[in-house]
Protein backbone atom coordinates (compact mmCIF):
# COMPACT_ATOMS: atom_id res chain seq x y z
CA MET A 1 -0.17 27.52 25.44
CA THR A 2 3.33 26.50 24.42
CA TYR A 3 3.78 23.73 21.89
CA ASN A 4 6.88 21.61 21.31
CA LEU A 5 7.27 22.57 17.66
CA GLU A 6 10.16 20.22 16.90
CA ALA A 7 8.42 17.24 18.52
CA ASN A 8 5.20 18.04 16.66
CA LYS A 9 7.09 18.19 13.34
CA GLN A 10 8.75 14.84 14.00
CA ASN A 11 5.44 13.29 15.12
CA ALA A 12 3.63 14.55 12.01
CA ILE A 13 6.33 13.00 9.80
CA ALA A 14 6.28 9.72 11.75
CA PHE A 15 2.48 9.60 11.63
CA TYR A 16 2.37 10.20 7.88
CA ARG A 17 5.24 7.82 7.10
CA THR A 18 3.79 5.02 9.25
CA ALA A 19 0.32 5.30 7.68
CA TYR A 20 1.58 5.84 4.12
CA LEU A 21 3.92 2.84 4.26
CA GLY A 22 1.19 0.47 5.39
CA ASP A 23 0.52 0.58 9.14
CA PRO A 24 -2.21 3.17 9.69
CA SER A 25 -3.47 1.42 12.86
CA GLN A 26 -0.10 1.95 14.52
CA ALA A 27 0.00 5.56 13.26
CA VAL A 28 -3.38 6.27 14.86
CA GLU A 29 -2.50 4.46 18.08
CA LYS A 30 0.74 6.39 18.56
CA TYR A 31 -0.03 9.84 17.17
CA VAL A 32 -3.79 10.61 17.10
CA GLY A 33 -5.71 12.26 19.94
CA GLU A 34 -9.22 11.78 21.25
CA GLU A 35 -10.76 13.11 18.05
CA TYR A 36 -9.62 13.12 14.45
CA ILE A 37 -11.24 15.64 12.11
CA GLN A 38 -10.57 14.95 8.44
CA HIS A 39 -10.91 17.57 5.69
CA ASN A 40 -9.87 15.37 2.75
CA PRO A 41 -13.18 14.63 0.96
CA LEU A 42 -12.00 11.11 0.06
CA VAL A 43 -11.60 10.08 3.72
CA GLY A 44 -14.27 9.95 6.43
CA ASP A 45 -14.00 11.61 9.83
CA GLY A 46 -12.46 9.72 12.72
CA PRO A 47 -9.67 7.21 13.14
CA GLN A 48 -11.33 4.15 11.58
CA PRO A 49 -12.12 5.71 8.18
CA PHE A 50 -8.50 6.94 8.09
CA ILE A 51 -7.23 3.42 8.84
CA ASP A 52 -9.52 1.89 6.21
CA TYR A 53 -8.42 4.39 3.55
CA PHE A 54 -4.69 3.84 4.14
CA GLU A 55 -5.03 0.05 4.38
CA GLU A 56 -6.77 0.04 0.99
CA MET A 57 -4.09 2.33 -0.45
CA ALA A 58 -1.34 0.02 0.85
CA ARG A 59 -3.02 -3.00 -0.77
CA ASP A 60 -3.64 -1.25 -4.08
CA TYR A 61 -0.31 0.63 -4.35
CA PRO A 62 2.38 -1.23 -2.38
CA ASP A 63 5.25 0.25 -4.42
CA LYS A 64 4.55 3.92 -3.73
CA SER A 65 7.19 6.05 -2.02
CA ILE A 66 7.34 9.33 -0.15
CA GLU A 67 10.03 11.90 0.56
CA PHE A 68 9.52 14.58 3.20
CA VAL A 69 10.93 17.76 1.69
CA ARG A 70 10.17 20.18 4.53
CA ALA A 71 8.22 20.56 7.75
CA VAL A 72 7.10 23.86 9.23
CA ALA A 73 5.51 24.32 12.64
CA GLU A 74 3.73 27.27 14.18
CA GLY A 75 1.53 27.15 17.26
CA ASP A 76 -0.62 24.03 17.13
CA LEU A 77 -0.07 23.45 13.37
CA VAL A 78 2.48 21.50 11.37
CA ALA A 79 2.75 21.70 7.58
CA LEU A 80 4.49 18.97 5.57
CA HIS A 81 5.63 19.36 1.97
CA THR A 82 6.20 15.98 0.34
CA HIS A 83 7.19 14.35 -2.93
CA GLN A 84 5.33 11.12 -3.69
CA THR A 85 6.07 8.64 -6.45
CA TRP A 86 3.33 6.20 -7.43
CA PRO A 87 3.24 3.22 -9.83
CA GLY A 88 3.89 4.22 -13.41
CA ASN A 89 6.31 6.90 -12.16
CA LYS A 90 3.48 9.32 -11.50
CA GLU A 91 4.87 11.99 -9.21
CA TYR A 92 2.92 14.28 -6.90
CA VAL A 93 3.54 17.23 -4.63
CA THR A 94 1.49 17.20 -1.46
CA MET A 95 1.01 19.71 1.29
CA ASP A 96 -0.51 18.43 4.50
CA PHE A 97 -1.49 20.42 7.56
CA PHE A 98 -1.96 18.82 10.97
CA ARG A 99 -3.44 20.41 14.09
CA PHE A 100 -2.15 19.14 17.42
CA ASP A 101 -3.90 19.13 20.79
CA ASP A 102 -2.30 20.22 24.07
CA SER A 103 -0.91 16.69 24.57
CA GLY A 104 0.98 16.69 21.28
CA LYS A 105 -1.51 14.44 19.49
CA ILE A 106 -2.89 15.01 15.98
CA VAL A 107 -6.57 15.95 16.00
CA GLU A 108 -7.19 17.52 12.57
CA HIS A 109 -5.88 17.21 9.01
CA TRP A 110 -6.09 19.14 5.71
CA ASP A 111 -4.24 18.37 2.48
CA SER A 112 -3.73 19.35 -1.12
CA MET A 113 -2.16 17.24 -3.88
CA GLN A 114 -0.93 18.14 -7.36
CA GLN A 115 0.56 15.89 -10.00
CA ILE A 116 3.96 17.06 -11.21
CA PRO A 117 3.59 17.92 -14.90
CA GLY A 118 6.00 16.73 -17.58
CA GLU A 119 6.68 20.29 -18.67
CA SER A 120 6.81 23.63 -16.88
CA ASN A 121 6.75 27.25 -18.00
CA ASN A 122 9.69 27.95 -15.67
CA ASP A 123 12.91 26.21 -14.59
CA ASN A 124 11.93 25.94 -10.93
CA THR A 125 11.08 22.69 -9.18
CA MET A 126 7.87 22.35 -7.21
CA TYR A 127 9.98 22.10 -4.05
């Protein structure tokens, strides 16, 4: 199977941005396949729990922002590395992985999030 890696990267970014900025229903409609398997323990399986989670997040944290630092694609997977800023200037690094089906739709998601500390034992950024 050959995947359109560039299209999958752009679709993963568009999906994440659309949901994160407050329109998860549109994100699901445009970018999610027949199934949606969720590995984040805070979100239920399937499209509707995803929509509910992101609608609540949009209501509770309307001033959050996201920057997409990098996207990497291989086979049916896309990895996104992001920088998120939340109210109170809390900053986080996230890494999200999306699996795509043969039609270029997202069908599975994993993620990891870490708050950026005020101090570091090295001079490197987390990006």
